[in-house]
C-alpha atoms as a PDB file:
ATOM      1  CA  MET A   1      -6.267 -25.275   2.779  1.00  0.00           C
ATOM      2  CA  ASN A   2      -3.562 -27.726   1.714  1.00  0.00           C
ATOM      3  CA  TYR A   3      -1.797 -29.597   4.473  1.00  0.00           C
ATOM      4  CA  LEU A   4       0.151 -32.756   5.194  1.00  0.00           C
ATOM      5  CA  VAL A   5      -0.234 -35.291   7.978  1.00  0.00           C
ATOM      6  CA  ASN A   6       2.741 -36.135  10.171  1.00  0.00           C
ATOM      7  CA  GLU A   7       3.625 -39.439  11.803  1.00  0.00           C
ATOM      8  CA  TYR A   8       1.176 -38.682  14.634  1.00  0.00           C
ATOM      9  CA  GLU A   9      -1.704 -38.146  12.182  1.00  0.00           C
ATOM     10  CA  GLN A  10      -1.618 -34.417  12.918  1.00  0.00           C
ATOM     11  CA  PRO A  11      -2.188 -31.892  10.100  1.00  0.00           C
ATOM     12  CA  VAL A  12       0.873 -29.716   9.405  1.00  0.00           C
ATOM     13  CA  GLY A  13       1.703 -27.007   6.882  1.00  0.00           C
ATOM     14  CA  GLN A  14       3.461 -27.482   3.578  1.00  0.00           C
ATOM     15  CA  PRO A  15       7.264 -27.876   3.898  1.00  0.00           C
ATOM     16  CA  MET A  16       9.415 -25.177   2.331  1.00  0.00           C
ATOM     17  CA  PRO A  17      12.933 -26.628   2.183  1.00  0.00           C
ATOM     18  CA  GLU A  18      14.149 -24.130  -0.424  1.00  0.00           C
ATOM     19  CA  TRP A  19      12.962 -21.014   1.419  1.00  0.00           C
ATOM     20  CA  THR A  20      15.592 -18.356   2.161  1.00  0.00           C
ATOM     21  CA  VAL A  21      15.456 -15.075   4.028  1.00  0.00           C
ATOM     22  CA  ARG A  22      14.211 -12.383   1.662  1.00  0.00           C
ATOM     23  CA  PRO A  23      16.011  -9.095   0.958  1.00  0.00           C
ATOM     24  CA  ARG A  24      14.859  -5.946   2.679  1.00  0.00           C
ATOM     25  CA  PRO A  25      13.342  -3.220   0.497  1.00  0.00           C
ATOM     26  CA  GLN A  26      15.798  -0.633  -0.758  1.00  0.00           C
ATOM     27  CA  ARG A  27      15.752   3.131  -1.158  1.00  0.00           C
ATOM     28  CA  ARG A  28      15.160   3.188  -4.880  1.00  0.00           C
ATOM     29  CA  SER A  29      12.871   4.542  -7.577  1.00  0.00           C
ATOM     30  CA  ILE A  30      10.161   2.395  -9.138  1.00  0.00           C
ATOM     31  CA  ASP A  31       8.896   3.637 -12.497  1.00  0.00           C
ATOM     32  CA  GLY A  32       5.354   3.332 -13.804  1.00  0.00           C
ATOM     33  CA  ARG A  33       3.306   4.743 -16.673  1.00  0.00           C
ATOM     34  CA  TYR A  34       1.450   7.398 -14.680  1.00  0.00           C
ATOM     35  CA  CYS A  35       3.693   7.836 -11.671  1.00  0.00           C
ATOM     36  CA  LYS A  36       6.926   6.763 -10.101  1.00  0.00           C
ATOM     37  CA  LEU A  37       7.801   5.970  -6.530  1.00  0.00           C
ATOM     38  CA  GLU A  38      10.880   7.554  -4.986  1.00  0.00           C
ATOM     39  CA  ALA A  39      12.401   7.040  -1.567  1.00  0.00           C
ATOM     40  CA  LEU A  40      11.054   9.952   0.455  1.00  0.00           C
ATOM     41  CA  GLU A  41      13.410  12.933   0.725  1.00  0.00           C
ATOM     42  CA  PRO A  42      13.060  16.103   2.839  1.00  0.00           C
ATOM     43  CA  ARG A  43      13.162  18.248  -0.316  1.00  0.00           C
ATOM     44  CA  ARG A  44       9.679  16.955  -1.178  1.00  0.00           C
ATOM     45  CA  ALA A  45       8.128  18.408   1.990  1.00  0.00           C
ATOM     46  CA  ARG A  46       6.871  21.629   0.399  1.00  0.00           C
ATOM     47  CA  GLU A  47       5.299  19.813  -2.543  1.00  0.00           C
ATOM     48  CA  LEU A  48       3.521  17.368  -0.258  1.00  0.00           C
ATOM     49  CA  PHE A  49       2.383  20.088   2.131  1.00  0.00           C
ATOM     50  CA  ASP A  50       0.867  22.007  -0.776  1.00  0.00           C
ATOM     51  CA  ALA A  51      -0.726  18.846  -2.225  1.00  0.00           C
ATOM     52  CA  TYR A  52      -2.338  17.893   1.084  1.00  0.00           C
ATOM     53  CA  GLY A  53      -3.397  21.502   1.505  1.00  0.00           C
ATOM     54  CA  THR A  54      -5.746  21.208  -1.471  1.00  0.00           C
ATOM     55  CA  ALA A  55      -8.126  19.137   0.678  1.00  0.00           C
ATOM     56  CA  ALA A  56     -11.272  20.905   1.831  1.00  0.00           C
ATOM     57  CA  ASP A  57     -10.723  19.881   5.454  1.00  0.00           C
ATOM     58  CA  GLY A  58      -8.622  17.649   7.694  1.00  0.00           C
ATOM     59  CA  ARG A  59     -10.662  14.452   7.529  1.00  0.00           C
ATOM     60  CA  ASP A  60      -7.956  12.562   5.636  1.00  0.00           C
ATOM     61  CA  TRP A  61      -5.788  12.725   8.772  1.00  0.00           C
ATOM     62  CA  THR A  62      -8.394  11.302  11.185  1.00  0.00           C
ATOM     63  CA  TYR A  63      -7.116   7.727  10.993  1.00  0.00           C
ATOM     64  CA  MET A  64      -3.439   8.562  10.495  1.00  0.00           C
ATOM     65  CA  VAL A  65      -1.089   8.241  13.459  1.00  0.00           C
ATOM     66  CA  MET A  66       0.367  11.657  12.620  1.00  0.00           C
ATOM     67  CA  GLY A  67      -1.154  14.975  11.557  1.00  0.00           C
ATOM     68  CA  PRO A  68      -2.932  17.065  10.618  1.00  0.00           C
ATOM     69  CA  PHE A  69      -0.315  19.729   9.957  1.00  0.00           C
ATOM     70  CA  SER A  70      -1.273  23.386   9.780  1.00  0.00           C
ATOM     71  CA  GLU A  71       2.294  24.704   9.603  1.00  0.00           C
ATOM     72  CA  LEU A  72       4.969  23.844   7.059  1.00  0.00           C
ATOM     73  CA  SER A  73       7.676  23.825   9.730  1.00  0.00           C
ATOM     74  CA  ALA A  74       5.998  21.018  11.695  1.00  0.00           C
ATOM     75  CA  PHE A  75       5.342  19.069   8.520  1.00  0.00           C
ATOM     76  CA  GLN A  76       8.962  19.518   7.435  1.00  0.00           C
ATOM     77  CA  GLN A  77      10.122  18.014  10.730  1.00  0.00           C
ATOM     78  CA  TYR A  78       7.815  15.039  10.230  1.00  0.00           C
ATOM     79  CA  ILE A  79       9.064  14.465   6.657  1.00  0.00           C
ATOM     80  CA  GLU A  80      12.709  14.675   7.758  1.00  0.00           C
ATOM     81  CA  LYS A  81      12.092  12.032  10.426  1.00  0.00           C
ATOM     82  CA  ALA A  82      10.126   9.820   8.024  1.00  0.00           C
ATOM     83  CA  ALA A  83      12.773  10.119   5.311  1.00  0.00           C
ATOM     84  CA  ALA A  84      15.458   8.899   7.729  1.00  0.00           C
ATOM     85  CA  SER A  85      13.469   5.821   8.779  1.00  0.00           C
ATOM     86  CA  GLU A  86      14.411   2.325   7.599  1.00  0.00           C
ATOM     87  CA  ASP A  87      11.213   0.684   8.849  1.00  0.00           C
ATOM     88  CA  PRO A  88       8.800   2.140   7.892  1.00  0.00           C
ATOM     89  CA  LEU A  89      10.507   2.864   4.575  1.00  0.00           C
ATOM     90  CA  HIS A  90       8.569   5.761   3.067  1.00  0.00           C
ATOM     91  CA  TYR A  91       8.108   6.443  -0.635  1.00  0.00           C
ATOM     92  CA  ALA A  92       6.861   9.599  -2.327  1.00  0.00           C
ATOM     93  CA  VAL A  93       4.382   9.197  -5.189  1.00  0.00           C
ATOM     94  CA  ILE A  94       5.521  11.416  -8.071  1.00  0.00           C
ATOM     95  CA  ASP A  95       3.096  12.502 -10.800  1.00  0.00           C
ATOM     96  CA  ARG A  96       5.034  11.880 -14.021  1.00  0.00           C
ATOM     97  CA  ARG A  97       3.271  14.770 -15.792  1.00  0.00           C
ATOM     98  CA  THR A  98       4.398  17.397 -13.308  1.00  0.00           C
ATOM     99  CA  GLY A  99       7.350  15.765 -11.529  1.00  0.00           C
ATOM    100  CA  ARG A 100       5.796  16.761  -8.215  1.00  0.00           C
ATOM    101  CA  ALA A 101       5.062  14.641  -5.142  1.00  0.00           C
ATOM    102  CA  VAL A 102       1.335  14.134  -4.585  1.00  0.00           C
ATOM    103  CA  GLY A 103       1.262  11.480  -1.862  1.00  0.00           C
ATOM    104  CA  THR A 104       3.197   8.965   0.213  1.00  0.00           C
ATOM    105  CA  LEU A 105       3.051   5.341   1.291  1.00  0.00           C
ATOM    106  CA  ALA A 106       5.448   3.041   3.107  1.00  0.00           C
ATOM    107  CA  LEU A 107       6.641  -0.522   3.507  1.00  0.00           C
ATOM    108  CA  MET A 108       6.722  -1.414   7.182  1.00  0.00           C
ATOM    109  CA  ARG A 109       6.815  -4.148   9.837  1.00  0.00           C
ATOM    110  CA  MET A 110       9.321  -5.948   7.650  1.00  0.00           C
ATOM    111  CA  ASP A 111       9.824  -9.643   8.401  1.00  0.00           C
ATOM    112  CA  PRO A 112      12.345 -10.946   5.838  1.00  0.00           C
ATOM    113  CA  ALA A 113      12.764 -14.275   7.639  1.00  0.00           C
ATOM    114  CA  ASN A 114       9.114 -15.152   7.084  1.00  0.00           C
ATOM    115  CA  GLY A 115       8.584 -13.156   3.895  1.00  0.00           C
ATOM    116  CA  VAL A 116       5.929 -10.880   5.396  1.00  0.00           C
ATOM    117  CA  ILE A 117       5.619  -7.132   4.929  1.00  0.00           C
ATOM    118  CA  GLU A 118       2.954  -4.453   5.342  1.00  0.00           C
ATOM    119  CA  VAL A 119       2.009  -1.426   3.283  1.00  0.00           C
ATOM    120  CA  GLY A 120       0.949   1.499   5.442  1.00  0.00           C
ATOM    121  CA  SER A 121       1.128   5.222   6.145  1.00  0.00           C
ATOM    122  CA  VAL A 122      -0.837   5.691   2.926  1.00  0.00           C
ATOM    123  CA  MET A 123      -1.543   9.420   2.591  1.00  0.00           C
ATOM    124  CA  PHE A 124      -2.801  10.400  -0.861  1.00  0.00           C
ATOM    125  CA  SER A 125      -3.686  14.017  -1.650  1.00  0.00           C
ATOM    126  CA  PRO A 126      -6.797  15.103  -3.590  1.00  0.00           C
ATOM    127  CA  MET A 127      -4.478  15.592  -6.593  1.00  0.00           C
ATOM    128  CA  LEU A 128      -3.970  11.818  -6.667  1.00  0.00           C
ATOM    129  CA  LYS A 129      -7.240  10.310  -5.426  1.00  0.00           C
ATOM    130  CA  ARG A 130      -9.516   8.599  -7.929  1.00  0.00           C
ATOM    131  CA  THR A 131      -6.868   8.799 -10.637  1.00  0.00           C
ATOM    132  CA  PRO A 132      -4.836   6.012 -12.276  1.00  0.00           C
ATOM    133  CA  ILE A 133      -1.894   7.257 -10.214  1.00  0.00           C
ATOM    134  CA  SER A 134      -3.388   6.092  -6.919  1.00  0.00           C
ATOM    135  CA  THR A 135      -3.942   2.563  -8.239  1.00  0.00           C
ATOM    136  CA  GLU A 136      -0.623   2.368 -10.039  1.00  0.00           C
ATOM    137  CA  ALA A 137       1.306   3.466  -6.936  1.00  0.00           C
ATOM    138  CA  GLN A 138      -0.151   0.536  -5.004  1.00  0.00           C
ATOM    139  CA  TYR A 139       0.490  -1.859  -7.892  1.00  0.00           C
ATOM    140  CA  LEU A 140       4.132  -0.774  -8.278  1.00  0.00           C
ATOM    141  CA  LEU A 141       4.890  -1.402  -4.609  1.00  0.00           C
ATOM    142  CA  MET A 142       3.145  -4.791  -4.626  1.00  0.00           C
ATOM    143  CA  LYS A 143       5.012  -5.841  -7.757  1.00  0.00           C
ATOM    144  CA  TYR A 144       8.316  -4.821  -6.201  1.00  0.00           C
ATOM    145  CA  VAL A 145       7.597  -6.848  -3.046  1.00  0.00           C
ATOM    146  CA  PHE A 146       6.312 -10.001  -4.740  1.00  0.00           C
ATOM    147  CA  ASP A 147       8.226 -10.162  -8.030  1.00  0.00           C
ATOM    148  CA  GLU A 148      11.584  -8.647  -7.111  1.00  0.00           C
ATOM    149  CA  LEU A 149      11.933  -9.315  -3.385  1.00  0.00           C
ATOM    150  CA  GLY A 150      10.032 -12.607  -3.325  1.00  0.00           C
ATOM    151  CA  TYR A 151       7.869 -12.049  -0.246  1.00  0.00           C
ATOM    152  CA  ARG A 152       5.029 -14.460   0.583  1.00  0.00           C
ATOM    153  CA  ARG A 153       2.543 -12.186   2.341  1.00  0.00           C
ATOM    154  CA  TYR A 154       1.602  -8.522   1.860  1.00  0.00           C
ATOM    155  CA  GLU A 155      -0.499  -6.939   4.607  1.00  0.00           C
ATOM    156  CA  TRP A 156      -2.856  -3.979   4.922  1.00  0.00           C
ATOM    157  CA  LYS A 157      -4.069  -2.838   8.337  1.00  0.00           C
ATOM    158  CA  CYS A 158      -6.308   0.047   9.307  1.00  0.00           C
ATOM    159  CA  ASP A 159      -8.574   1.375  12.030  1.00  0.00           C
ATOM    160  CA  SER A 160     -11.701  -0.784  11.884  1.00  0.00           C
ATOM    161  CA  PHE A 161     -13.777   2.420  11.664  1.00  0.00           C
ATOM    162  CA  ASN A 162     -11.877   3.600   8.574  1.00  0.00           C
ATOM    163  CA  ALA A 163     -14.464   2.641   5.956  1.00  0.00           C
ATOM    164  CA  PRO A 164     -12.627   4.226   2.974  1.00  0.00           C
ATOM    165  CA  SER A 165      -9.437   2.305   3.799  1.00  0.00           C
ATOM    166  CA  ARG A 166     -11.312  -0.976   4.156  1.00  0.00           C
ATOM    167  CA  LYS A 167     -13.062  -0.390   0.846  1.00  0.00           C
ATOM    168  CA  THR A 168      -9.774   0.438  -0.875  1.00  0.00           C
ATOM    169  CA  ALA A 169      -8.092  -2.695   0.468  1.00  0.00           C
ATOM    170  CA  GLN A 170     -10.823  -4.893  -0.950  1.00  0.00           C
ATOM    171  CA  ARG A 171     -10.824  -3.056  -4.286  1.00  0.00           C
ATOM    172  CA  LEU A 172      -7.074  -3.684  -4.566  1.00  0.00           C
ATOM    173  CA  GLY A 173      -7.553  -7.421  -4.017  1.00  0.00           C
ATOM    174  CA  PHE A 174      -6.754  -7.821  -0.319  1.00  0.00           C
ATOM    175  CA  GLN A 175      -8.645 -10.476   1.616  1.00  0.00           C
ATOM    176  CA  PHE A 176     -10.241  -9.436   4.908  1.00  0.00           C
ATOM    177  CA  GLU A 177      -8.948 -11.595   7.769  1.00  0.00           C
ATOM    178  CA  GLY A 178     -10.622 -10.143  10.842  1.00  0.00           C
ATOM    179  CA  VAL A 179     -10.403  -7.479  13.537  1.00  0.00           C
ATOM    180  CA  PHE A 180      -7.857  -7.359  16.345  1.00  0.00           C
ATOM    181  CA  ARG A 181      -9.686  -5.728  19.239  1.00  0.00           C
ATOM    182  CA  GLN A 182      -7.997  -2.949  21.231  1.00  0.00           C
ATOM    183  CA  ALA A 183      -4.833  -3.491  19.212  1.00  0.00           C
ATOM    184  CA  MET A 184      -3.300  -0.076  19.838  1.00  0.00           C
ATOM    185  CA  LEU A 185      -3.690   3.452  21.162  1.00  0.00           C
ATOM    186  CA  TYR A 186      -3.223   6.545  19.016  1.00  0.00           C
ATOM    187  CA  LYS A 187      -4.259  10.173  19.217  1.00  0.00           C
ATOM    188  CA  GLY A 188      -5.552   9.479  22.710  1.00  0.00           C
ATOM    189  CA  ARG A 189      -8.051   6.845  21.640  1.00  0.00           C
ATOM    190  CA  SER A 190      -8.314   3.074  21.364  1.00  0.00           C
ATOM    191  CA  ARG A 191      -8.116   1.357  17.994  1.00  0.00           C
ATOM    192  CA  ASP A 192      -9.493  -1.948  16.827  1.00  0.00           C
ATOM    193  CA  THR A 193      -7.428  -2.945  13.776  1.00  0.00           C
ATOM    194  CA  ALA A 194      -8.853  -4.554  10.637  1.00  0.00           C
ATOM    195  CA  TRP A 195      -6.395  -6.935   8.931  1.00  0.00           C
ATOM    196  CA  PHE A 196      -6.193  -7.705   5.214  1.00  0.00           C
ATOM    197  CA  SER A 197      -3.636  -9.587   3.130  1.00  0.00           C
ATOM    198  CA  ILE A 198      -2.565 -10.786  -0.297  1.00  0.00           C
ATOM    199  CA  ILE A 199      -0.420 -13.921  -0.491  1.00  0.00           C
ATOM    200  CA  ASP A 200       1.992 -14.937  -3.216  1.00  0.00           C
ATOM    201  CA  SER A 201      -0.279 -17.581  -4.769  1.00  0.00           C
ATOM    202  CA  GLU A 202      -2.945 -14.894  -5.323  1.00  0.00           C
ATOM    203  CA  TRP A 203      -0.584 -12.326  -6.744  1.00  0.00           C
ATOM    204  CA  PRO A 204      -0.302 -13.467 -10.422  1.00  0.00           C
ATOM    205  CA  SER A 205      -4.050 -13.099 -11.000  1.00  0.00           C
ATOM    206  CA  ILE A 206      -4.208  -9.809  -9.082  1.00  0.00           C
ATOM    207  CA  CYS A 207      -1.187  -8.499 -10.972  1.00  0.00           C
ATOM    208  CA  SER A 208      -2.798  -9.316 -14.325  1.00  0.00           C
ATOM    209  CA  SER A 209      -5.967  -7.453 -13.331  1.00  0.00           C
ATOM    210  CA  PHE A 210      -3.945  -4.387 -12.323  1.00  0.00           C
ATOM    211  CA  GLU A 211      -2.150  -4.381 -15.665  1.00  0.00           C
ATOM    212  CA  ASP A 212      -5.406  -4.715 -17.597  1.00  0.00           C
ATOM    213  CA  TRP A 213      -6.976  -1.879 -15.603  1.00  0.00           C
ATOM    214  CA  LEU A 214      -3.969   0.426 -15.983  1.00  0.00           C
ATOM    215  CA  ASP A 215      -3.733  -0.113 -19.751  1.00  0.00           C
ATOM    216  CA  PRO A 216      -4.609   3.141 -21.592  1.00  0.00           C
ATOM    217  CA  SER A 217      -7.219   1.250 -23.621  1.00  0.00           C
ATOM    218  CA  ASN A 218      -9.254   0.819 -20.423  1.00  0.00           C
ATOM    219  CA  PHE A 219      -9.967   4.569 -20.328  1.00  0.00           C
ATOM    220  CA  ASP A 220     -12.193   6.555 -22.653  1.00  0.00           C
ATOM    221  CA  PRO A 221     -11.133   9.962 -24.081  1.00  0.00           C
ATOM    222  CA  ARG A 222     -12.408  11.655 -20.913  1.00  0.00           C
ATOM    223  CA  GLY A 223     -10.268   9.365 -18.742  1.00  0.00           C
ATOM    224  CA  VAL A 224     -13.225   7.373 -17.410  1.00  0.00           C
ATOM    225  CA  GLN A 225     -12.559   3.671 -16.817  1.00  0.00           C
ATOM    226  CA  ARG A 226     -14.259   1.208 -19.152  1.00  0.00           C
ATOM    227  CA  GLN A 227     -14.001  -1.709 -16.713  1.00  0.00           C
ATOM    228  CA  SER A 228     -13.501  -1.550 -12.960  1.00  0.00           C
ATOM    229  CA  LEU A 229     -10.579  -3.209 -11.249  1.00  0.00           C
ATOM    230  CA  THR A 230     -12.973  -5.390  -9.260  1.00  0.00           C
ATOM    231  CA  ASP A 231     -14.760  -6.578 -12.400  1.00  0.00           C
ATOM    232  CA  LEU A 232     -11.480  -7.373 -14.131  1.00  0.00           C
ATOM    233  CA  ARG A 233     -10.244  -9.360 -11.133  1.00  0.00           C
ATOM    234  CA  GLU A 234     -13.498 -11.290 -10.806  1.00  0.00           C
ATOM    235  CA  SER A 235     -13.564 -12.135 -14.513  1.00  0.00           C
ATOM    236  CA  ALA A 236      -9.991 -13.417 -14.267  1.00  0.00           C
ATOM    237  CA  THR A 237     -10.972 -15.913 -11.587  1.00  0.00           C
ATOM    238  CA  THR A 238     -14.098 -17.293 -13.272  1.00  0.00           C
END
């Protein structure tokens, strides 16, 4: 870790005299090759309800603060509330082939003064999982936060028991930072929260790996990846 020493011979962080408060994320569309992100709107509720309904069971909702939803009316109410929120700011993931919403994710716990923001409320349907869309959706939001808004730190947090979420965070390039014990209560139970982050100095290399992975040449005629995202990222740092 780089640091300076002050007049008392104490280590201190790097000065940032040119730092300014960063803009807050906006309700806007972000276009990609396989998908686009749109600010969540209530009109997408039916599409999302149907997409989530393709799951074999309700296990995807276990570690979500909300859900599961068995009735469209209850889900519609949730989507209307989420769409009106400024923080979290929810985005729908739109499959460019069909024009239909197949998942959601959000920017949240916004701290423009310090340039810190979290991605959360990630709920991807089976129609999106293990496809280029799921990776590109994450990449598009990261790129927006780092390259356009100029944030310094991008966080991922999840229930410490949520093994798929922890695995996904590390695949995407987040660094594990530790577990906050008894950090919150939800669904009538205690949660220890695992923390992950990407910082701005790491982003250029991570961004390049995303772009290499998402390139059509990285997929064979059956759509199977030729190189994994993890392998591409590791090769970029060696």
